[in-house]
C-alpha cells in the first residue's frame, strides 16, 4: 500500500504561466517523504537526535507528464525500496486520478560525525515495511 500526501498547488508554487514551478514538485515530494518518516517516528531530527545519523538526498529525478496549475489538488503516492545504506522512494503525483508526474528520490544514511554511509537502521526498515504494508 502506498503512502499518500495531498498537495494543493498555490500561486507561490507557480511560475509566470501559473503552472507549477519546476522545483516545487521536488519540494512537495520531499515534504511527503518527510511526513512519512515523521509518521513512523524516524524524522530527520529524531534519527539525528537518537543515533547521530542523517539521510541526505543523493539522487532525485522527475518526469512531468501533465501540466499542474493553480488550484489543482495533487495526491502524491509514495512507495519505497530499502537498500544497504539507502532508501529509494518512488513517487507518483495524480490529479483527479490522472498521473501528472513521476519522481524518484534516493536518500543515503550517513554518520554525522564522519559523513560515511551506514546501513539503514533496522527500526527504519521495520517501521517503513509495517506502514507501507
N, C-alpha and C. Protein backbone atom coordinates (compact mmCIF):
# COMPACT_ATOMS: atom_id res chain seq x y z
N UNK A 1 0.85 -1.17 0.00
CA UNK A 1 0.00 0.00 0.00
C UNK A 1 0.90 1.24 0.00
N UNK A 2 0.56 2.20 -0.79
CA UNK A 2 1.35 3.42 -0.89
C UNK A 2 0.97 4.40 0.22
N UNK A 3 1.90 5.25 0.55
CA UNK A 3 1.66 6.35 1.47
C UNK A 3 1.19 7.52 0.62
N UNK A 4 0.15 8.23 1.05
CA UNK A 4 -0.38 9.34 0.25
C UNK A 4 -0.30 10.65 1.00
N UNK A 5 -0.02 11.70 0.23
CA UNK A 5 0.17 13.05 0.74
C UNK A 5 -0.50 13.99 -0.25
N UNK A 6 -1.40 14.84 0.22
CA UNK A 6 -2.10 15.77 -0.67
C UNK A 6 -1.41 17.12 -0.71
N UNK A 7 -1.37 17.69 -1.92
CA UNK A 7 -0.74 18.97 -2.16
C UNK A 7 -1.66 19.80 -3.05
N UNK A 8 -2.08 20.95 -2.55
CA UNK A 8 -2.88 21.87 -3.36
C UNK A 8 -1.94 22.94 -3.91
N UNK A 9 -1.86 23.02 -5.23
CA UNK A 9 -0.96 23.96 -5.87
C UNK A 9 -1.42 25.39 -5.63
N UNK A 10 -0.56 26.17 -5.02
CA UNK A 10 -0.83 27.56 -4.71
C UNK A 10 -0.06 28.46 -5.67
N UNK A 11 -0.43 29.71 -5.75
CA UNK A 11 0.23 30.65 -6.65
C UNK A 11 1.74 30.71 -6.39
N UNK A 12 2.14 30.59 -5.15
CA UNK A 12 3.56 30.65 -4.81
C UNK A 12 4.35 29.47 -5.39
N UNK A 13 3.67 28.41 -5.78
CA UNK A 13 4.32 27.22 -6.35
C UNK A 13 4.40 27.27 -7.87
N UNK A 14 4.07 28.43 -8.46
CA UNK A 14 3.99 28.52 -9.91
C UNK A 14 4.98 29.53 -10.47
N UNK A 15 5.12 29.48 -11.78
CA UNK A 15 5.92 30.50 -12.47
C UNK A 15 4.97 31.48 -13.16
N UNK A 16 5.48 32.29 -14.06
CA UNK A 16 4.65 33.32 -14.70
C UNK A 16 3.47 32.75 -15.47
N UNK A 17 3.55 31.47 -15.86
CA UNK A 17 2.47 30.86 -16.64
C UNK A 17 1.32 30.34 -15.78
N UNK A 18 1.47 30.44 -14.46
CA UNK A 18 0.51 29.92 -13.48
C UNK A 18 0.52 28.39 -13.45
N UNK A 19 1.57 27.80 -14.04
CA UNK A 19 1.78 26.35 -13.95
C UNK A 19 2.88 26.10 -12.93
N UNK A 20 2.95 24.86 -12.49
CA UNK A 20 3.90 24.54 -11.43
C UNK A 20 5.32 24.98 -11.79
N UNK A 21 5.97 25.61 -10.81
CA UNK A 21 7.38 25.97 -10.91
C UNK A 21 8.15 24.67 -10.71
N UNK A 22 9.03 24.35 -11.64
CA UNK A 22 9.68 23.04 -11.69
C UNK A 22 10.17 22.51 -10.33
N UNK A 23 10.91 23.28 -9.53
CA UNK A 23 11.40 22.73 -8.25
C UNK A 23 10.30 22.43 -7.23
N UNK A 24 9.12 22.98 -7.41
CA UNK A 24 8.04 22.75 -6.44
C UNK A 24 7.65 21.28 -6.37
N UNK A 25 7.71 20.57 -7.48
CA UNK A 25 7.36 19.14 -7.47
C UNK A 25 8.34 18.38 -6.58
N UNK A 26 9.62 18.66 -6.73
CA UNK A 26 10.61 18.00 -5.86
C UNK A 26 10.40 18.41 -4.41
N UNK A 27 10.15 19.68 -4.18
CA UNK A 27 9.92 20.16 -2.82
C UNK A 27 8.77 19.41 -2.16
N UNK A 28 7.65 19.28 -2.84
CA UNK A 28 6.50 18.62 -2.23
C UNK A 28 6.67 17.10 -2.16
N UNK A 29 7.44 16.53 -3.07
CA UNK A 29 7.76 15.10 -2.96
C UNK A 29 8.60 14.87 -1.71
N UNK A 30 9.57 15.74 -1.47
CA UNK A 30 10.40 15.62 -0.27
C UNK A 30 9.55 15.87 0.98
N UNK A 31 8.61 16.80 0.92
CA UNK A 31 7.70 17.01 2.06
C UNK A 31 6.90 15.74 2.36
N UNK A 32 6.46 15.05 1.30
CA UNK A 32 5.72 13.79 1.50
C UNK A 32 6.62 12.76 2.18
N UNK A 33 7.86 12.65 1.73
CA UNK A 33 8.81 11.72 2.34
C UNK A 33 9.05 12.10 3.80
N UNK A 34 9.26 13.38 4.06
CA UNK A 34 9.49 13.84 5.44
C UNK A 34 8.30 13.53 6.33
N UNK A 35 7.08 13.71 5.81
CA UNK A 35 5.89 13.42 6.60
C UNK A 35 5.78 11.92 6.89
N UNK A 36 6.08 11.10 5.89
CA UNK A 36 6.09 9.65 6.11
C UNK A 36 7.08 9.28 7.20
N UNK A 37 8.30 9.81 7.10
CA UNK A 37 9.32 9.47 8.09
C UNK A 37 8.93 9.96 9.48
N UNK A 38 8.29 11.12 9.54
CA UNK A 38 7.80 11.62 10.83
C UNK A 38 6.68 10.72 11.36
N UNK A 39 5.80 10.27 10.48
CA UNK A 39 4.69 9.40 10.89
C UNK A 39 5.17 8.08 11.47
N UNK A 40 6.35 7.61 11.04
CA UNK A 40 6.88 6.35 11.58
C UNK A 40 7.91 6.61 12.69
N UNK A 41 7.93 7.84 13.21
CA UNK A 41 8.80 8.24 14.31
C UNK A 41 10.28 8.16 13.97
N UNK A 42 10.62 8.47 12.70
CA UNK A 42 12.01 8.48 12.27
C UNK A 42 12.29 9.70 11.39
N UNK A 43 11.81 10.87 11.85
CA UNK A 43 12.10 12.09 11.11
C UNK A 43 13.60 12.34 11.12
N UNK A 44 14.05 13.24 10.26
CA UNK A 44 15.47 13.57 10.21
C UNK A 44 15.97 14.02 11.59
N UNK A 45 15.15 14.80 12.28
CA UNK A 45 15.54 15.29 13.61
C UNK A 45 15.61 14.15 14.63
N UNK A 46 14.62 13.26 14.58
CA UNK A 46 14.59 12.15 15.54
C UNK A 46 15.78 11.21 15.33
N UNK A 47 16.07 10.86 14.08
CA UNK A 47 17.20 9.97 13.77
C UNK A 47 18.52 10.61 14.21
N UNK A 48 18.64 11.91 13.95
CA UNK A 48 19.89 12.58 14.33
C UNK A 48 20.03 12.62 15.85
N UNK A 49 18.95 12.95 16.51
CA UNK A 49 18.99 13.04 17.98
C UNK A 49 19.29 11.68 18.62
N UNK A 50 18.65 10.64 18.13
CA UNK A 50 18.81 9.31 18.74
C UNK A 50 20.09 8.60 18.34
N UNK A 51 20.48 8.74 17.04
CA UNK A 51 21.56 7.89 16.54
C UNK A 51 22.70 8.65 15.88
N UNK A 52 22.59 9.98 15.78
CA UNK A 52 23.65 10.75 15.14
C UNK A 52 23.75 10.53 13.64
N UNK A 53 22.61 10.14 13.04
CA UNK A 53 22.60 9.86 11.61
C UNK A 53 21.83 10.93 10.85
N UNK A 54 22.19 11.08 9.59
CA UNK A 54 21.49 11.95 8.66
C UNK A 54 21.06 11.09 7.48
N UNK A 55 20.06 11.59 6.72
CA UNK A 55 19.75 10.91 5.45
C UNK A 55 19.50 11.93 4.34
N UNK A 56 20.61 12.48 3.84
CA UNK A 56 20.51 13.46 2.76
C UNK A 56 20.07 12.81 1.44
N UNK A 57 19.57 13.65 0.55
CA UNK A 57 19.19 13.18 -0.78
C UNK A 57 20.47 13.01 -1.60
N UNK A 58 20.62 11.84 -2.19
CA UNK A 58 21.77 11.55 -3.03
C UNK A 58 21.41 11.62 -4.52
N UNK A 59 20.14 11.45 -4.81
CA UNK A 59 19.70 11.44 -6.22
C UNK A 59 18.22 11.83 -6.26
N UNK A 60 17.86 12.59 -7.29
CA UNK A 60 16.45 12.93 -7.50
C UNK A 60 16.22 13.12 -8.99
N UNK A 61 15.08 12.63 -9.45
CA UNK A 61 14.70 12.86 -10.85
C UNK A 61 13.18 12.95 -10.93
N UNK A 62 12.72 13.71 -11.91
CA UNK A 62 11.29 13.94 -12.08
C UNK A 62 10.94 13.87 -13.56
N UNK A 63 9.84 13.22 -13.87
CA UNK A 63 9.26 13.26 -15.21
C UNK A 63 7.91 13.95 -15.08
N UNK A 64 7.74 15.02 -15.84
CA UNK A 64 6.49 15.77 -15.84
C UNK A 64 5.61 15.21 -16.95
N UNK A 65 4.40 14.79 -16.61
CA UNK A 65 3.52 14.12 -17.57
C UNK A 65 2.36 14.98 -18.03
N UNK A 66 1.91 15.89 -17.17
CA UNK A 66 0.79 16.80 -17.46
C UNK A 66 1.06 18.11 -16.75
N UNK A 67 0.47 19.18 -17.25
CA UNK A 67 0.59 20.47 -16.58
C UNK A 67 -0.14 20.43 -15.24
N UNK A 68 0.42 21.11 -14.26
CA UNK A 68 -0.21 21.27 -12.95
C UNK A 68 -0.40 22.77 -12.77
N UNK A 69 -1.63 23.17 -12.46
CA UNK A 69 -1.96 24.59 -12.42
C UNK A 69 -2.51 25.00 -11.05
N UNK A 70 -2.52 26.30 -10.81
CA UNK A 70 -3.03 26.84 -9.56
C UNK A 70 -4.40 26.24 -9.24
N UNK A 71 -4.54 25.80 -8.00
CA UNK A 71 -5.80 25.24 -7.54
C UNK A 71 -5.89 23.73 -7.68
N UNK A 72 -5.00 23.13 -8.47
CA UNK A 72 -5.04 21.67 -8.63
C UNK A 72 -4.70 20.99 -7.31
N UNK A 73 -5.44 19.94 -7.00
CA UNK A 73 -5.13 19.10 -5.85
C UNK A 73 -4.41 17.87 -6.38
N UNK A 74 -3.18 17.69 -5.97
CA UNK A 74 -2.35 16.59 -6.42
C UNK A 74 -2.12 15.65 -5.25
N UNK A 75 -2.40 14.38 -5.44
CA UNK A 75 -2.11 13.37 -4.43
C UNK A 75 -0.80 12.70 -4.81
N UNK A 76 0.16 12.78 -3.90
CA UNK A 76 1.47 12.16 -4.11
C UNK A 76 1.45 10.81 -3.41
N UNK A 77 1.65 9.74 -4.18
CA UNK A 77 1.69 8.39 -3.64
C UNK A 77 3.14 7.92 -3.62
N UNK A 78 3.59 7.47 -2.45
CA UNK A 78 4.96 7.01 -2.28
C UNK A 78 5.03 5.50 -2.12
N UNK A 79 6.03 4.91 -2.74
CA UNK A 79 6.43 3.53 -2.45
C UNK A 79 7.93 3.58 -2.19
N UNK A 80 8.49 2.49 -1.70
CA UNK A 80 9.91 2.53 -1.34
C UNK A 80 10.58 1.18 -1.56
N UNK A 81 11.91 1.25 -1.66
CA UNK A 81 12.75 0.05 -1.69
C UNK A 81 13.97 0.38 -0.83
N UNK A 82 14.25 -0.49 0.13
CA UNK A 82 15.37 -0.26 1.04
C UNK A 82 16.58 -1.05 0.55
N UNK A 83 17.70 -0.34 0.41
CA UNK A 83 18.97 -0.98 0.06
C UNK A 83 19.84 -1.12 1.28
N UNK A 84 21.12 -1.29 1.08
CA UNK A 84 22.04 -1.44 2.21
C UNK A 84 22.11 -0.19 3.06
N UNK A 85 22.43 0.95 2.43
CA UNK A 85 22.53 2.21 3.18
C UNK A 85 21.59 3.27 2.62
N UNK A 86 20.72 2.88 1.71
CA UNK A 86 19.84 3.87 1.06
C UNK A 86 18.39 3.41 1.02
N UNK A 87 17.54 4.38 0.82
CA UNK A 87 16.12 4.11 0.56
C UNK A 87 15.77 4.86 -0.72
N UNK A 88 15.18 4.14 -1.65
CA UNK A 88 14.69 4.75 -2.88
C UNK A 88 13.19 4.93 -2.75
N UNK A 89 12.75 6.17 -2.86
CA UNK A 89 11.33 6.47 -2.82
C UNK A 89 10.86 6.75 -4.24
N UNK A 90 9.83 6.05 -4.66
CA UNK A 90 9.17 6.30 -5.95
C UNK A 90 7.91 7.09 -5.63
N UNK A 91 7.69 8.16 -6.37
CA UNK A 91 6.51 8.99 -6.14
C UNK A 91 5.74 9.14 -7.44
N UNK A 92 4.42 9.10 -7.33
CA UNK A 92 3.55 9.37 -8.46
C UNK A 92 2.57 10.44 -8.00
N UNK A 93 2.48 11.52 -8.77
CA UNK A 93 1.52 12.58 -8.49
C UNK A 93 0.31 12.43 -9.39
N UNK A 94 -0.88 12.48 -8.80
CA UNK A 94 -2.12 12.34 -9.57
C UNK A 94 -3.07 13.49 -9.25
N UNK A 95 -3.69 14.00 -10.30
CA UNK A 95 -4.74 14.99 -10.19
C UNK A 95 -5.99 14.34 -10.74
N UNK A 96 -7.03 14.19 -9.91
CA UNK A 96 -8.27 13.55 -10.34
C UNK A 96 -8.00 12.18 -10.97
N UNK A 97 -7.05 11.44 -10.41
CA UNK A 97 -6.73 10.11 -10.89
C UNK A 97 -5.80 10.05 -12.09
N UNK A 98 -5.46 11.20 -12.66
CA UNK A 98 -4.58 11.25 -13.84
C UNK A 98 -3.14 11.53 -13.37
N UNK A 99 -2.20 10.71 -13.82
CA UNK A 99 -0.80 10.93 -13.45
C UNK A 99 -0.28 12.22 -14.05
N UNK A 100 0.29 13.09 -13.19
CA UNK A 100 0.84 14.35 -13.66
C UNK A 100 2.36 14.40 -13.52
N UNK A 101 2.93 13.56 -12.65
CA UNK A 101 4.38 13.44 -12.58
C UNK A 101 4.77 12.12 -11.94
N UNK A 102 6.01 11.72 -12.23
CA UNK A 102 6.64 10.58 -11.58
C UNK A 102 7.99 11.08 -11.08
N UNK A 103 8.39 10.64 -9.91
CA UNK A 103 9.67 11.09 -9.36
C UNK A 103 10.34 9.94 -8.62
N UNK A 104 11.65 10.06 -8.51
CA UNK A 104 12.44 9.13 -7.72
C UNK A 104 13.38 9.94 -6.86
N UNK A 105 13.41 9.63 -5.58
CA UNK A 105 14.30 10.31 -4.64
C UNK A 105 15.02 9.23 -3.84
N UNK A 106 16.35 9.31 -3.84
CA UNK A 106 17.16 8.35 -3.09
C UNK A 106 17.83 9.09 -1.94
N UNK A 107 17.62 8.58 -0.73
CA UNK A 107 18.31 9.11 0.45
C UNK A 107 19.33 8.08 0.91
N UNK A 108 20.45 8.57 1.44
CA UNK A 108 21.51 7.69 1.93
C UNK A 108 21.76 8.02 3.39
N UNK A 109 21.81 7.00 4.21
CA UNK A 109 22.08 7.19 5.63
C UNK A 109 23.58 7.34 5.84
N UNK A 110 23.93 8.41 6.58
CA UNK A 110 25.34 8.69 6.87
C UNK A 110 25.50 9.04 8.34
N UNK A 111 26.68 8.75 8.84
CA UNK A 111 27.05 9.12 10.20
C UNK A 111 27.42 10.59 10.19
N UNK A 112 26.79 11.40 11.03
CA UNK A 112 27.04 12.83 11.05
C UNK A 112 28.47 13.15 11.47
N UNK A 113 29.11 12.28 12.23
CA UNK A 113 30.45 12.58 12.74
C UNK A 113 31.53 12.49 11.67
N UNK A 114 31.34 11.60 10.68
CA UNK A 114 32.38 11.47 9.65
C UNK A 114 31.85 11.49 8.22
N UNK A 115 30.54 11.56 8.05
CA UNK A 115 29.95 11.63 6.71
C UNK A 115 29.97 10.34 5.92
N UNK A 116 30.32 9.25 6.56
CA UNK A 116 30.37 7.95 5.87
C UNK A 116 29.00 7.28 5.88
N UNK A 117 28.73 6.58 4.80
CA UNK A 117 27.45 5.88 4.73
C UNK A 117 27.42 4.75 5.75
N UNK A 118 26.21 4.49 6.24
CA UNK A 118 25.97 3.44 7.23
C UNK A 118 24.73 2.66 6.80
N UNK A 119 24.56 1.45 7.30
CA UNK A 119 23.35 0.70 6.95
C UNK A 119 22.08 1.42 7.42
N UNK A 120 21.02 1.25 6.67
CA UNK A 120 19.71 1.76 7.10
C UNK A 120 19.38 1.07 8.42
N UNK A 121 19.06 1.82 9.45
CA UNK A 121 18.73 1.20 10.74
C UNK A 121 17.57 0.20 10.61
N UNK A 122 17.72 -0.92 11.32
CA UNK A 122 16.68 -1.95 11.28
C UNK A 122 15.31 -1.41 11.65
N UNK A 123 15.27 -0.50 12.63
CA UNK A 123 13.99 0.05 13.06
C UNK A 123 13.32 0.84 11.93
N UNK A 124 14.10 1.52 11.12
CA UNK A 124 13.54 2.26 9.99
C UNK A 124 12.98 1.28 8.97
N UNK A 125 13.74 0.23 8.65
CA UNK A 125 13.27 -0.80 7.71
C UNK A 125 11.94 -1.37 8.19
N UNK A 126 11.90 -1.76 9.45
CA UNK A 126 10.71 -2.41 10.01
C UNK A 126 9.51 -1.47 9.98
N UNK A 127 9.69 -0.25 10.46
CA UNK A 127 8.56 0.70 10.51
C UNK A 127 8.07 1.08 9.11
N UNK A 128 8.98 1.25 8.16
CA UNK A 128 8.55 1.54 6.79
C UNK A 128 7.75 0.37 6.21
N UNK A 129 8.27 -0.84 6.41
CA UNK A 129 7.56 -2.02 5.89
C UNK A 129 6.17 -2.15 6.53
N UNK A 130 6.10 -1.92 7.83
CA UNK A 130 4.79 -2.00 8.51
C UNK A 130 3.84 -0.93 8.00
N UNK A 131 4.33 0.29 7.85
CA UNK A 131 3.46 1.41 7.42
C UNK A 131 3.00 1.27 5.98
N UNK A 132 3.84 0.68 5.15
CA UNK A 132 3.55 0.60 3.73
C UNK A 132 2.88 -0.73 3.34
N UNK A 133 2.71 -1.60 4.31
CA UNK A 133 2.12 -2.93 4.01
C UNK A 133 0.64 -2.83 3.69
